[in-house]
Amino acid sequence: MEDAVRARDAAREALADIEPPQLHETLDDRLVDASMSPGVLTFTSARALESGVDLDGIAERAAGVQLIYEGLRLTRTLAHDEPWVDDAGNDIDADLDILAADVLVSRGFYLLARTEAAARAVETVRAFGRDQTRRETGGGDSEALDRNLEADVFELAVVAGTTAVGTDAPTALLEYVASLAREYEGDLPPAAVALPETTAEQIATLSGDDRVPSSATDQ
């Protein structure tokens, strides 16, 4: 199964019990066309260090990373373009988006809560809050502050993936994936674009693993 499909299916499955139907539809719509780069990177990180790893066994980790990103990404959009400032009559949709963002992040936390990536997930959300506060108060480069989200989520992804196979992500690896995320402006592109073919090899090398990894992204 392609990693992007596996990540999307896992994320959608994690939200399957959300009600009412209108909220569930809003959540599902967010995932249909979303870049699965964070989830794919989670799988890639685990497979780079253990080629035979059961990817279905770490699907919840990939989903958790993906959902946290989707929730924070939606929060960022709402913060930059407040939906209540006009009279278009879309208050219900705006309220649903706010609720959806909360649900996405909280469900992502739930999936990672009992993993080694739990603390990193908390720090990812805290860092996002600090960055957005600085952005609103003019405390830094707004584009750079926004881009920190993608960098932090990529770091979360490799932590979730490498710890799934009993390896801690070293600083050099975190810096490498953060640099990948910073190459793009705005929302992340598809994983096949965001993650070079050499990603798995780089993860193995920077983790101190001399095994030959499989292809970076099974797209």
Protein backbone atom coordinates (compact mmCIF):
# COMPACT_ATOMS: atom_id res chain seq x y z
CA MET A 1 0.00 0.00 0.00
CA GLU A 2 1.33 3.44 -0.82
CA ASP A 3 2.46 5.38 2.21
CA ALA A 4 0.35 8.43 1.39
CA VAL A 5 -2.77 6.27 1.07
CA ARG A 6 -1.90 4.43 4.27
CA ALA A 7 -1.44 7.72 6.15
CA ARG A 8 -4.67 9.20 4.83
CA ASP A 9 -6.67 6.06 5.63
CA ALA A 10 -5.24 5.94 9.15
CA ALA A 11 -6.07 9.60 9.77
CA ARG A 12 -9.62 9.18 8.47
CA GLU A 13 -10.11 6.04 10.54
CA ALA A 14 -9.02 7.92 13.66
CA LEU A 15 -11.87 10.37 13.08
CA ALA A 16 -14.52 7.83 12.13
CA ASP A 17 -16.42 8.13 15.40
CA ILE A 18 -16.69 11.92 15.44
CA GLU A 19 -20.23 13.31 15.51
CA PRO A 20 -22.41 15.09 14.45
CA PRO A 21 -22.23 14.18 10.74
CA GLN A 22 -21.68 17.79 9.66
CA LEU A 23 -18.56 18.04 11.81
CA HIS A 24 -17.32 14.68 10.61
CA GLU A 25 -17.78 15.80 7.01
CA THR A 26 -15.80 18.96 7.69
CA LEU A 27 -12.97 16.91 9.19
CA ASP A 28 -12.98 14.38 6.39
CA ASP A 29 -12.92 17.12 3.76
CA ARG A 30 -9.73 18.47 5.33
CA LEU A 31 -8.01 15.16 4.73
CA VAL A 32 -9.20 14.37 1.22
CA ASP A 33 -6.83 16.75 -0.56
CA ALA A 34 -4.29 17.37 2.20
CA SER A 35 -0.59 16.69 1.73
CA MET A 36 0.28 13.50 3.59
CA SER A 37 3.94 14.50 3.91
CA PRO A 38 4.00 14.39 7.75
CA GLY A 39 2.39 10.96 7.88
CA VAL A 40 4.58 9.61 5.08
CA LEU A 41 7.70 10.93 6.80
CA THR A 42 6.69 9.01 9.92
CA PHE A 43 6.55 5.77 7.94
CA THR A 44 9.74 6.60 6.06
CA SER A 45 11.66 7.27 9.28
CA ALA A 46 10.71 3.91 10.76
CA ARG A 47 11.36 1.94 7.57
CA ALA A 48 14.73 3.66 7.02
CA LEU A 49 15.98 2.11 10.26
CA GLU A 50 14.12 -1.19 10.11
CA SER A 51 13.26 -2.23 6.58
CA GLY A 52 10.85 -4.95 7.68
CA VAL A 53 8.88 -2.84 10.14
CA ASP A 54 5.15 -3.45 10.25
CA LEU A 55 3.85 -0.14 8.91
CA ASP A 56 0.29 -1.00 9.89
CA GLY A 57 1.57 -1.23 13.45
CA ILE A 58 2.72 2.38 13.44
CA ALA A 59 -0.17 3.78 11.40
CA GLU A 60 -1.64 5.43 14.50
CA ARG A 61 1.61 7.34 15.02
CA ALA A 62 1.52 8.58 11.43
CA ALA A 63 -2.13 9.55 11.83
CA GLY A 64 -1.39 11.37 15.07
CA VAL A 65 1.34 13.46 13.45
CA GLN A 66 -0.86 14.15 10.42
CA LEU A 67 -3.87 15.22 12.49
CA ILE A 68 -1.85 17.57 14.66
CA TYR A 69 -0.50 19.23 11.54
CA GLU A 70 -3.93 19.53 9.95
CA GLY A 71 -5.38 21.05 13.12
CA LEU A 72 -2.60 23.59 13.55
CA ARG A 73 -2.59 24.39 9.83
CA LEU A 74 -6.31 25.14 9.98
CA THR A 75 -5.81 27.22 13.13
CA ARG A 76 -3.13 29.24 11.34
CA THR A 77 -5.45 29.87 8.41
CA LEU A 78 -8.26 31.03 10.68
CA ALA A 79 -5.92 33.28 12.65
CA HIS A 80 -4.65 34.99 9.52
CA ASP A 81 -8.00 35.34 7.79
CA GLU A 82 -10.65 35.65 10.47
CA PRO A 83 -13.92 34.32 9.05
CA TRP A 84 -16.19 36.55 11.15
CA VAL A 85 -15.02 39.93 9.87
CA ASP A 86 -17.50 40.15 7.00
CA ASP A 87 -21.24 39.76 6.63
CA ALA A 88 -21.17 36.79 4.30
CA GLY A 89 -23.35 34.78 6.66
CA ASN A 90 -20.83 31.96 7.04
CA ASP A 91 -20.71 31.96 10.84
CA ILE A 92 -21.78 28.32 11.07
CA ASP A 93 -19.01 27.19 8.72
CA ALA A 94 -16.51 29.30 10.61
CA ASP A 95 -17.60 27.83 13.93
CA LEU A 96 -17.29 24.34 12.47
CA ASP A 97 -13.77 25.11 11.29
CA ILE A 98 -12.76 26.26 14.77
CA LEU A 99 -14.22 23.11 16.30
CA ALA A 100 -12.60 20.98 13.60
CA ALA A 101 -9.17 22.44 14.37
CA ASP A 102 -9.59 21.58 18.05
CA VAL A 103 -10.76 18.05 17.28
CA LEU A 104 -7.89 17.40 14.88
CA VAL A 105 -5.23 18.45 17.37
CA SER A 106 -6.83 16.69 20.34
CA ARG A 107 -7.31 13.44 18.42
CA GLY A 108 -3.71 13.65 17.24
CA PHE A 109 -2.59 14.04 20.85
CA TYR A 110 -4.68 11.05 21.82
CA LEU A 111 -2.98 8.84 19.24
CA LEU A 112 0.51 9.88 20.36
CA ALA A 113 -0.19 10.11 24.11
CA ARG A 114 1.31 6.73 25.00
CA THR A 115 4.22 6.88 22.60
CA GLU A 116 7.74 8.25 22.93
CA ALA A 117 6.65 11.16 20.73
CA ALA A 118 4.12 12.50 23.25
CA ALA A 119 6.39 15.18 24.74
CA ARG A 120 7.49 16.32 21.28
CA ALA A 121 3.84 16.63 20.25
CA VAL A 122 3.14 18.90 23.22
CA GLU A 123 6.16 21.05 22.41
CA THR A 124 5.08 21.30 18.77
CA VAL A 125 1.76 22.81 19.78
CA ARG A 126 3.34 25.11 22.37
CA ALA A 127 5.90 26.35 19.85
CA PHE A 128 3.12 27.03 17.37
CA GLY A 129 1.29 29.14 19.94
CA ARG A 130 4.41 31.13 20.76
CA ASP A 131 5.19 31.73 17.10
CA GLN A 132 1.69 32.91 16.27
CA THR A 133 1.68 35.24 19.26
CA ARG A 134 4.97 36.76 18.10
CA ARG A 135 3.58 37.08 14.60
CA GLU A 136 0.51 38.97 15.78
CA THR A 137 2.58 41.33 17.91
CA GLY A 138 5.13 42.01 15.18
CA GLY A 139 7.87 40.18 17.03
CA GLY A 140 9.54 38.58 14.04
CA ASP A 141 9.49 37.67 10.38
CA SER A 142 5.91 36.52 9.83
CA GLU A 143 6.74 34.12 6.98
CA ALA A 144 9.56 32.51 8.94
CA LEU A 145 7.39 32.17 12.02
CA ASP A 146 4.64 30.55 9.98
CA ARG A 147 7.11 28.13 8.40
CA ASN A 148 8.22 26.94 11.82
CA LEU A 149 5.05 24.85 11.96
CA GLU A 150 6.06 22.65 9.04
CA ALA A 151 9.61 22.33 10.37
CA ASP A 152 8.38 21.35 13.83
CA VAL A 153 5.88 18.85 12.43
CA PHE A 154 8.59 17.20 10.31
CA GLU A 155 10.68 16.89 13.46
CA LEU A 156 7.70 15.37 15.25
CA ALA A 157 7.28 12.91 12.37
CA VAL A 158 10.83 11.58 12.58
CA VAL A 159 10.61 11.32 16.36
CA ALA A 160 7.39 9.33 16.03
CA GLY A 161 8.89 7.11 13.33
CA THR A 162 12.36 6.45 14.72
CA THR A 163 11.19 5.79 18.27
CA ALA A 164 8.69 3.26 16.89
CA VAL A 165 11.70 1.07 16.10
CA GLY A 166 13.61 1.86 19.28
CA THR A 167 15.88 4.66 18.03
CA ASP A 168 16.06 8.26 19.20
CA ALA A 169 16.26 10.96 16.53
CA PRO A 170 19.60 12.81 16.89
CA THR A 171 19.89 16.57 16.50
CA ALA A 172 21.45 16.30 13.04
CA LEU A 173 18.43 14.35 11.80
CA LEU A 174 15.98 16.86 13.26
CA GLU A 175 17.87 19.69 11.59
CA TYR A 176 17.84 17.84 8.27
CA VAL A 177 14.09 17.29 8.14
CA ALA A 178 13.42 20.83 9.38
CA SER A 179 15.47 22.11 6.44
CA LEU A 180 13.32 20.04 4.06
CA ALA A 181 10.17 21.66 5.40
CA ARG A 182 11.60 25.15 5.05
CA GLU A 183 12.18 24.72 1.33
CA TYR A 184 8.53 25.40 0.57
CA GLU A 185 6.27 28.37 1.20
CA GLY A 186 2.72 27.93 2.40
CA ASP A 187 1.19 24.52 2.93
CA LEU A 188 3.29 21.44 2.32
CA PRO A 189 3.32 19.90 -1.16
CA PRO A 190 2.61 16.18 -1.68
CA ALA A 191 5.10 13.81 -0.08
CA ALA A 192 6.58 12.85 -3.44
CA VAL A 193 7.64 16.49 -3.81
CA ALA A 194 8.44 17.39 -0.20
CA LEU A 195 10.54 14.30 0.51
CA PRO A 196 13.47 13.65 -1.84
CA GLU A 197 14.24 10.10 -2.94
CA THR A 198 17.30 10.20 -0.69
CA THR A 199 15.30 10.97 2.46
CA ALA A 200 15.42 7.42 3.86
CA GLU A 201 19.14 7.17 3.17
CA GLN A 202 19.75 10.47 4.94
CA ILE A 203 17.66 9.36 7.91
CA ALA A 204 19.65 6.14 8.23
CA THR A 205 22.97 7.94 7.88
CA LEU A 206 22.17 10.71 10.33
CA SER A 207 20.82 8.17 12.81
CA GLY A 208 24.13 6.33 12.71
CA ASP A 209 22.61 3.34 10.96
CA ASP A 210 24.81 1.76 8.26
CA ARG A 211 22.10 -0.45 6.76
CA VAL A 212 20.89 0.28 3.24
CA PRO A 213 17.34 1.66 3.59
CA SER A 214 14.44 1.14 1.24
CA SER A 215 13.13 3.90 -1.03
CA ALA A 216 12.35 7.13 0.81
CA THR A 217 8.68 7.32 -0.05
CA ASP A 218 6.46 4.51 -1.19
CA GLN A 219 4.20 6.78 -3.16
